[in-house]
Amino acid sequence: MHPAKASSVQATPMGPIGVSLNGVPFYNQYAANYQPLTNEINTLDQYNGHPQQMGGYHYHIEPTYLTAQYGKHVLLGFLLDGFPVYGPLENNATVTNSGLDACHGHTHATTDYPDGIYHYHITAETPYLNGTGFYGMPGTVAQ
């Protein structure tokens, strides 16, 4: 409910690191065993999601089902530290890694948080959603 910056960055685990607004989990920028997504990207469907080995559907990159319906600038979900995730556009400009910190976010006002909040962005380049780890203290997830 009230996310806050952690005293140190905690790396994201394999498996769910957050949840999109349609309930589909966000995973980090790695395939199984912390391998790059390079080969796994070929397994993504038309919405940029795919199932893991046990069948759980998830996103590593832009969830095009959501961005096609609601726009590339909107709130897409939350990571386990409680901070929001936004699409790849901000103020009608494409967000790139160079405009984000090591955790893959920045702080300022958004439509949903007019007083300002730290938030992550989906980008077209690796790490896509999350960088070195969680900006805040992560909670847990149960499937």
N, C-alpha and C. Protein backbone atom coordinates (compact mmCIF):
# COMPACT_ATOMS: atom_id res chain seq x y z
N MET A 1 0.82 -1.21 0.00
CA MET A 1 0.00 0.00 0.00
C MET A 1 0.86 1.26 0.00
N HIS A 2 1.98 1.23 0.72
CA HIS A 2 2.83 2.41 0.84
C HIS A 2 4.28 2.02 0.56
N PRO A 3 4.63 1.82 -0.71
CA PRO A 3 5.99 1.39 -1.02
C PRO A 3 7.01 2.46 -0.63
N ALA A 4 8.18 2.01 -0.25
CA ALA A 4 9.26 2.91 0.13
C ALA A 4 10.58 2.36 -0.39
N LYS A 5 11.52 3.26 -0.62
CA LYS A 5 12.84 2.85 -1.08
C LYS A 5 13.50 1.95 -0.05
N ALA A 6 14.11 0.87 -0.51
CA ALA A 6 14.83 -0.04 0.38
C ALA A 6 16.21 0.53 0.68
N SER A 7 16.81 0.09 1.75
CA SER A 7 18.15 0.56 2.10
C SER A 7 19.20 0.02 1.14
N SER A 8 18.90 -1.10 0.50
CA SER A 8 19.78 -1.65 -0.53
C SER A 8 18.94 -2.39 -1.57
N VAL A 9 19.46 -2.46 -2.75
CA VAL A 9 18.75 -3.12 -3.86
C VAL A 9 18.83 -4.63 -3.68
N GLN A 10 17.68 -5.29 -3.79
CA GLN A 10 17.62 -6.75 -3.71
C GLN A 10 17.34 -7.28 -5.12
N ALA A 11 18.14 -8.20 -5.60
CA ALA A 11 17.97 -8.78 -6.93
C ALA A 11 16.61 -9.46 -7.05
N THR A 12 16.06 -9.43 -8.24
CA THR A 12 14.80 -10.11 -8.49
C THR A 12 15.03 -11.62 -8.59
N PRO A 13 14.07 -12.41 -8.12
CA PRO A 13 14.22 -13.87 -8.20
C PRO A 13 13.75 -14.38 -9.56
N MET A 14 14.02 -15.63 -9.81
CA MET A 14 13.41 -16.29 -10.96
C MET A 14 11.94 -16.48 -10.59
N GLY A 15 11.06 -16.45 -11.56
CA GLY A 15 9.64 -16.55 -11.28
C GLY A 15 9.02 -15.18 -11.17
N PRO A 16 7.82 -15.09 -10.62
CA PRO A 16 7.09 -13.82 -10.57
C PRO A 16 7.83 -12.74 -9.78
N ILE A 17 7.93 -11.55 -10.39
CA ILE A 17 8.49 -10.38 -9.70
C ILE A 17 7.44 -9.29 -9.55
N GLY A 18 6.26 -9.53 -10.10
CA GLY A 18 5.18 -8.56 -10.03
C GLY A 18 3.97 -9.10 -10.75
N VAL A 19 2.96 -8.25 -10.88
CA VAL A 19 1.73 -8.68 -11.54
C VAL A 19 1.18 -7.54 -12.40
N SER A 20 0.73 -7.90 -13.59
CA SER A 20 0.12 -6.92 -14.49
C SER A 20 -1.34 -6.72 -14.09
N LEU A 21 -1.95 -5.68 -14.63
CA LEU A 21 -3.34 -5.37 -14.27
C LEU A 21 -4.33 -6.43 -14.74
N ASN A 22 -3.95 -7.27 -15.69
CA ASN A 22 -4.84 -8.36 -16.09
C ASN A 22 -4.53 -9.65 -15.33
N GLY A 23 -3.68 -9.57 -14.30
CA GLY A 23 -3.40 -10.72 -13.45
C GLY A 23 -2.26 -11.60 -13.91
N VAL A 24 -1.68 -11.32 -15.05
CA VAL A 24 -0.57 -12.12 -15.55
C VAL A 24 0.71 -11.66 -14.86
N PRO A 25 1.51 -12.60 -14.33
CA PRO A 25 2.75 -12.22 -13.64
C PRO A 25 3.79 -11.60 -14.58
N PHE A 26 4.57 -10.69 -14.02
CA PHE A 26 5.78 -10.19 -14.67
C PHE A 26 6.93 -11.04 -14.17
N TYR A 27 7.82 -11.43 -15.08
CA TYR A 27 9.06 -12.11 -14.74
C TYR A 27 10.22 -11.18 -15.10
N ASN A 28 11.41 -11.44 -14.57
CA ASN A 28 12.55 -10.58 -14.87
C ASN A 28 13.06 -10.82 -16.29
N GLN A 29 14.22 -10.24 -16.58
CA GLN A 29 14.77 -10.26 -17.94
C GLN A 29 15.51 -11.53 -18.31
N TYR A 30 15.37 -12.56 -17.49
CA TYR A 30 16.11 -13.80 -17.75
C TYR A 30 15.20 -14.97 -18.08
N ALA A 31 15.72 -15.86 -18.89
CA ALA A 31 15.08 -17.14 -19.13
C ALA A 31 15.52 -18.06 -17.98
N ALA A 32 15.17 -19.31 -18.03
CA ALA A 32 15.54 -20.26 -16.98
C ALA A 32 17.05 -20.24 -16.74
N ASN A 33 17.44 -20.46 -15.49
CA ASN A 33 18.85 -20.51 -15.08
C ASN A 33 19.60 -19.21 -15.38
N TYR A 34 18.90 -18.09 -15.32
CA TYR A 34 19.49 -16.77 -15.54
C TYR A 34 20.15 -16.61 -16.90
N GLN A 35 19.62 -17.29 -17.89
CA GLN A 35 20.11 -17.15 -19.26
C GLN A 35 19.44 -15.94 -19.91
N PRO A 36 20.10 -15.29 -20.87
CA PRO A 36 19.46 -14.16 -21.55
C PRO A 36 18.20 -14.61 -22.29
N LEU A 37 17.28 -13.69 -22.49
CA LEU A 37 16.04 -14.02 -23.19
C LEU A 37 16.21 -14.24 -24.69
N THR A 38 17.40 -14.05 -25.21
CA THR A 38 17.66 -14.08 -26.64
C THR A 38 16.94 -15.23 -27.35
N ASN A 39 17.12 -16.45 -26.91
CA ASN A 39 16.50 -17.59 -27.58
C ASN A 39 15.03 -17.76 -27.18
N GLU A 40 14.70 -17.37 -25.97
CA GLU A 40 13.34 -17.55 -25.47
C GLU A 40 12.34 -16.57 -26.10
N ILE A 41 12.82 -15.45 -26.60
CA ILE A 41 11.92 -14.46 -27.21
C ILE A 41 11.16 -15.09 -28.38
N ASN A 42 11.76 -16.06 -29.04
CA ASN A 42 11.08 -16.73 -30.16
C ASN A 42 9.86 -17.53 -29.70
N THR A 43 9.73 -17.78 -28.40
CA THR A 43 8.59 -18.56 -27.90
C THR A 43 7.43 -17.68 -27.45
N LEU A 44 7.58 -16.36 -27.54
CA LEU A 44 6.51 -15.47 -27.09
C LEU A 44 5.36 -15.46 -28.09
N ASP A 45 4.14 -15.33 -27.58
CA ASP A 45 2.97 -15.29 -28.46
C ASP A 45 2.70 -13.86 -28.95
N GLN A 46 1.54 -13.64 -29.57
CA GLN A 46 1.22 -12.34 -30.14
C GLN A 46 1.07 -11.24 -29.09
N TYR A 47 0.97 -11.59 -27.82
CA TYR A 47 0.86 -10.61 -26.74
C TYR A 47 2.16 -10.47 -25.94
N ASN A 48 3.23 -11.07 -26.43
CA ASN A 48 4.55 -11.05 -25.79
C ASN A 48 4.58 -11.80 -24.47
N GLY A 49 3.76 -12.80 -24.32
CA GLY A 49 3.78 -13.66 -23.15
C GLY A 49 4.01 -15.10 -23.57
N HIS A 50 4.25 -15.95 -22.58
CA HIS A 50 4.38 -17.38 -22.85
C HIS A 50 4.31 -18.15 -21.53
N PRO A 51 4.09 -19.46 -21.60
CA PRO A 51 4.04 -20.26 -20.37
C PRO A 51 5.43 -20.72 -19.95
N GLN A 52 5.63 -20.87 -18.65
CA GLN A 52 6.87 -21.47 -18.16
C GLN A 52 6.69 -22.99 -18.16
N GLN A 53 7.68 -23.72 -17.70
CA GLN A 53 7.66 -25.18 -17.79
C GLN A 53 6.47 -25.82 -17.08
N MET A 54 5.98 -25.22 -16.01
CA MET A 54 4.83 -25.77 -15.28
C MET A 54 3.51 -25.25 -15.83
N GLY A 55 3.56 -24.41 -16.90
CA GLY A 55 2.35 -23.94 -17.55
C GLY A 55 1.90 -22.55 -17.19
N GLY A 56 2.55 -21.88 -16.23
CA GLY A 56 2.15 -20.55 -15.82
C GLY A 56 2.51 -19.49 -16.85
N TYR A 57 1.51 -18.84 -17.41
CA TYR A 57 1.69 -17.80 -18.42
C TYR A 57 2.28 -16.55 -17.76
N HIS A 58 3.20 -15.85 -18.43
CA HIS A 58 3.83 -14.66 -17.86
C HIS A 58 4.42 -13.77 -18.96
N TYR A 59 4.77 -12.54 -18.53
CA TYR A 59 5.43 -11.57 -19.41
C TYR A 59 6.84 -11.31 -18.91
N HIS A 60 7.79 -11.14 -19.86
CA HIS A 60 9.13 -10.65 -19.57
C HIS A 60 9.29 -9.24 -20.15
N ILE A 61 8.56 -8.97 -21.22
CA ILE A 61 8.69 -7.72 -21.97
C ILE A 61 7.31 -7.08 -22.10
N GLU A 62 7.19 -6.06 -22.91
CA GLU A 62 5.95 -5.31 -23.04
C GLU A 62 4.74 -6.23 -23.25
N PRO A 63 3.74 -6.14 -22.39
CA PRO A 63 2.51 -6.93 -22.55
C PRO A 63 1.61 -6.27 -23.59
N THR A 64 1.79 -6.65 -24.84
CA THR A 64 1.09 -5.95 -25.92
C THR A 64 -0.43 -6.10 -25.86
N TYR A 65 -0.94 -7.11 -25.18
CA TYR A 65 -2.38 -7.19 -24.99
C TYR A 65 -2.87 -5.95 -24.24
N LEU A 66 -2.16 -5.57 -23.20
CA LEU A 66 -2.55 -4.40 -22.41
C LEU A 66 -2.25 -3.09 -23.14
N THR A 67 -1.07 -2.97 -23.73
CA THR A 67 -0.74 -1.70 -24.38
C THR A 67 -1.58 -1.46 -25.63
N ALA A 68 -2.01 -2.51 -26.32
CA ALA A 68 -2.88 -2.33 -27.47
C ALA A 68 -4.27 -1.86 -27.04
N GLN A 69 -4.74 -2.34 -25.90
CA GLN A 69 -6.07 -1.95 -25.42
C GLN A 69 -6.10 -0.60 -24.72
N TYR A 70 -5.07 -0.31 -23.95
CA TYR A 70 -5.12 0.86 -23.07
C TYR A 70 -4.10 1.94 -23.39
N GLY A 71 -3.11 1.64 -24.19
CA GLY A 71 -2.10 2.62 -24.55
C GLY A 71 -0.74 2.26 -23.98
N LYS A 72 0.29 2.79 -24.61
CA LYS A 72 1.66 2.49 -24.21
C LYS A 72 2.16 3.40 -23.08
N HIS A 73 1.32 4.31 -22.61
CA HIS A 73 1.71 5.25 -21.57
C HIS A 73 1.05 4.97 -20.22
N VAL A 74 0.26 3.94 -20.14
CA VAL A 74 -0.57 3.71 -18.95
C VAL A 74 0.09 2.80 -17.91
N LEU A 75 -0.49 2.82 -16.72
CA LEU A 75 -0.12 1.90 -15.65
C LEU A 75 -0.42 0.48 -16.10
N LEU A 76 0.58 -0.39 -16.03
CA LEU A 76 0.42 -1.77 -16.49
C LEU A 76 0.38 -2.78 -15.35
N GLY A 77 0.84 -2.40 -14.16
CA GLY A 77 0.85 -3.33 -13.04
C GLY A 77 1.79 -2.83 -11.95
N PHE A 78 2.21 -3.77 -11.09
CA PHE A 78 3.06 -3.44 -9.96
C PHE A 78 4.09 -4.55 -9.76
N LEU A 79 5.29 -4.16 -9.33
CA LEU A 79 6.27 -5.16 -8.94
C LEU A 79 6.04 -5.50 -7.47
N LEU A 80 6.69 -6.53 -6.99
CA LEU A 80 6.47 -7.02 -5.63
C LEU A 80 6.87 -6.03 -4.54
N ASP A 81 7.60 -4.98 -4.91
CA ASP A 81 7.95 -3.96 -3.92
C ASP A 81 6.86 -2.88 -3.81
N GLY A 82 5.78 -3.03 -4.57
CA GLY A 82 4.66 -2.11 -4.50
C GLY A 82 4.74 -0.93 -5.45
N PHE A 83 5.84 -0.78 -6.16
CA PHE A 83 5.97 0.34 -7.08
C PHE A 83 5.34 0.00 -8.43
N PRO A 84 4.71 1.00 -9.07
CA PRO A 84 4.00 0.77 -10.33
C PRO A 84 4.94 0.57 -11.52
N VAL A 85 4.38 -0.10 -12.53
CA VAL A 85 5.06 -0.33 -13.80
C VAL A 85 4.24 0.36 -14.88
N TYR A 86 4.90 1.18 -15.67
CA TYR A 86 4.25 1.88 -16.78
C TYR A 86 4.78 1.39 -18.11
N GLY A 87 4.05 1.70 -19.15
CA GLY A 87 4.42 1.31 -20.50
C GLY A 87 5.62 2.06 -21.04
N PRO A 88 5.95 1.83 -22.31
CA PRO A 88 7.17 2.38 -22.89
C PRO A 88 7.07 3.82 -23.39
N LEU A 89 5.94 4.48 -23.16
CA LEU A 89 5.82 5.90 -23.54
C LEU A 89 5.59 6.74 -22.31
N GLU A 90 6.17 7.94 -22.32
CA GLU A 90 5.95 8.90 -21.26
C GLU A 90 6.01 10.30 -21.88
N ASN A 91 4.97 11.09 -21.66
CA ASN A 91 4.90 12.43 -22.26
C ASN A 91 5.09 12.37 -23.78
N ASN A 92 4.46 11.38 -24.40
CA ASN A 92 4.50 11.18 -25.85
C ASN A 92 5.88 10.87 -26.41
N ALA A 93 6.80 10.45 -25.56
CA ALA A 93 8.14 10.07 -26.01
C ALA A 93 8.44 8.65 -25.57
N THR A 94 9.20 7.93 -26.37
CA THR A 94 9.60 6.57 -26.03
C THR A 94 10.63 6.61 -24.90
N VAL A 95 10.39 5.83 -23.87
CA VAL A 95 11.32 5.73 -22.75
C VAL A 95 12.45 4.79 -23.15
N THR A 96 13.67 5.21 -22.87
CA THR A 96 14.83 4.36 -23.15
C THR A 96 15.60 4.14 -21.85
N ASN A 97 16.47 3.17 -21.87
CA ASN A 97 17.26 2.85 -20.68
C ASN A 97 18.06 4.05 -20.18
N SER A 98 18.49 4.92 -21.08
CA SER A 98 19.32 6.06 -20.67
C SER A 98 18.57 7.03 -19.76
N GLY A 99 17.25 7.01 -19.79
CA GLY A 99 16.46 7.89 -18.94
C GLY A 99 16.04 7.26 -17.62
N LEU A 100 16.53 6.05 -17.36
CA LEU A 100 16.13 5.30 -16.17
C LEU A 100 17.35 4.97 -15.31
N ASP A 101 17.11 4.71 -14.03
CA ASP A 101 18.21 4.35 -13.13
C ASP A 101 18.55 2.87 -13.25
N ALA A 102 19.42 2.39 -12.40
CA ALA A 102 19.89 1.00 -12.45
C ALA A 102 18.77 -0.01 -12.20
N CYS A 103 17.73 0.38 -11.46
CA CYS A 103 16.58 -0.52 -11.21
C CYS A 103 15.55 -0.45 -12.34
N HIS A 104 15.77 0.44 -13.29
CA HIS A 104 14.93 0.61 -14.48
C HIS A 104 13.69 1.47 -14.20
N GLY A 105 13.88 2.53 -13.42
CA GLY A 105 12.79 3.43 -13.13
C GLY A 105 13.28 4.83 -12.84
N HIS A 106 12.35 5.69 -12.43
CA HIS A 106 12.65 7.05 -12.02
C HIS A 106 11.47 7.60 -11.23
N THR A 107 11.64 8.78 -10.65
CA THR A 107 10.60 9.37 -9.80
C THR A 107 10.10 10.67 -10.40
N HIS A 108 8.80 10.79 -10.54
CA HIS A 108 8.12 12.04 -10.86
C HIS A 108 6.62 11.78 -10.84
N ALA A 109 5.85 12.81 -11.06
CA ALA A 109 4.39 12.69 -11.07
C ALA A 109 3.93 11.88 -12.28
N THR A 110 2.86 11.11 -12.07
CA THR A 110 2.20 10.39 -13.15
C THR A 110 0.71 10.72 -13.06
N THR A 111 -0.05 10.31 -14.03
CA THR A 111 -1.50 10.52 -13.99
C THR A 111 -2.11 9.88 -12.75
N ASP A 112 -1.64 8.69 -12.40
CA ASP A 112 -2.18 7.96 -11.26
C ASP A 112 -1.63 8.44 -9.92
N TYR A 113 -0.47 9.05 -9.95
CA TYR A 113 0.22 9.52 -8.73
C TYR A 113 0.66 10.97 -8.95
N PRO A 114 -0.27 11.92 -8.89
CA PRO A 114 0.06 13.32 -9.21
C PRO A 114 1.07 13.96 -8.26
N ASP A 115 1.26 13.40 -7.06
CA ASP A 115 2.26 13.92 -6.14
C ASP A 115 3.64 13.34 -6.40
N GLY A 116 3.74 12.43 -7.34
CA GLY A 116 5.00 11.81 -7.71
C GLY A 116 5.23 10.50 -6.99
N ILE A 117 5.87 9.58 -7.68
CA ILE A 117 6.22 8.28 -7.12
C ILE A 117 7.31 7.67 -7.99
N TYR A 118 8.14 6.85 -7.36
CA TYR A 118 9.08 6.06 -8.14
C TYR A 118 8.26 5.07 -8.96
N HIS A 119 8.64 4.85 -10.20
CA HIS A 119 7.94 3.87 -11.03
C HIS A 119 8.91 3.29 -12.07
N TYR A 120 8.61 2.05 -12.43
CA TYR A 120 9.37 1.34 -13.44
C TYR A 120 8.74 1.58 -14.80
N HIS A 121 9.52 1.36 -15.86
CA HIS A 121 9.02 1.44 -17.23
C HIS A 121 9.43 0.20 -18.00
N ILE A 122 8.54 -0.24 -18.86
CA ILE A 122 8.86 -1.26 -19.86
C ILE A 122 9.62 -0.55 -20.97
N THR A 123 10.72 -1.12 -21.44
CA THR A 123 11.44 -0.57 -22.59
C THR A 123 11.63 -1.67 -23.63
N ALA A 124 12.03 -1.27 -24.81
CA ALA A 124 12.23 -2.23 -25.90
C ALA A 124 13.57 -2.93 -25.83
N GLU A 125 14.45 -2.47 -24.95
CA GLU A 125 15.77 -3.07 -24.86
C GLU A 125 15.97 -3.72 -23.49
N THR A 126 16.88 -4.68 -23.46
CA THR A 126 17.16 -5.35 -22.20
C THR A 126 17.64 -4.33 -21.17
N PRO A 127 17.17 -4.35 -19.98
CA PRO A 127 16.49 -5.41 -19.25
C PRO A 127 14.97 -5.41 -19.36
N TYR A 128 14.39 -4.62 -20.25
CA TYR A 128 12.96 -4.60 -20.57
C TYR A 128 12.07 -4.07 -19.45
N LEU A 129 12.16 -4.60 -18.26
CA LEU A 129 11.22 -4.25 -17.18
C LEU A 129 11.89 -3.87 -15.88
N ASN A 130 12.93 -4.57 -15.53
CA ASN A 130 13.57 -4.34 -14.24
C ASN A 130 15.07 -4.53 -14.39
N GLY A 131 15.84 -3.66 -13.78
CA GLY A 131 17.29 -3.71 -13.93
C GLY A 131 17.98 -4.53 -12.87
N THR A 132 18.75 -3.88 -12.03
CA THR A 132 19.59 -4.57 -11.05
C THR A 132 18.79 -5.19 -9.91
N GLY A 133 17.54 -4.81 -9.75
CA GLY A 133 16.73 -5.39 -8.70
C GLY A 133 15.57 -4.48 -8.30
N PHE A 134 14.98 -4.76 -7.16
CA PHE A 134 13.85 -4.00 -6.66
C PHE A 134 14.32 -2.68 -6.04
N TYR A 135 13.65 -1.59 -6.38
CA TYR A 135 13.92 -0.29 -5.78
C TYR A 135 13.48 -0.28 -4.32
N GLY A 136 12.35 -0.93 -4.05
CA GLY A 136 11.80 -1.02 -2.70
C GLY A 136 11.96 -2.41 -2.12
N MET A 137 11.45 -2.60 -0.92
CA MET A 137 11.52 -3.90 -0.25
C MET A 137 10.42 -4.80 -0.81
N PRO A 138 10.78 -5.91 -1.48
CA PRO A 138 9.76 -6.75 -2.10
C PRO A 138 8.97 -7.59 -1.11
N GLY A 139 7.73 -7.80 -1.46
CA GLY A 139 6.90 -8.74 -0.72
C GLY A 139 7.04 -10.10 -1.36
N THR A 140 6.12 -10.99 -1.07
CA THR A 140 6.17 -12.34 -1.62
C THR A 140 4.94 -12.57 -2.49
N VAL A 141 4.98 -13.65 -3.22
CA VAL A 141 3.88 -14.02 -4.09
C VAL A 141 3.61 -15.51 -3.92
N ALA A 142 2.34 -15.88 -3.96
CA ALA A 142 1.95 -17.28 -3.94
C ALA A 142 1.14 -17.55 -5.21
N GLN A 143 1.33 -18.71 -5.77
CA GLN A 143 0.61 -19.02 -7.02
C GLN A 143 -0.56 -19.92 -6.76
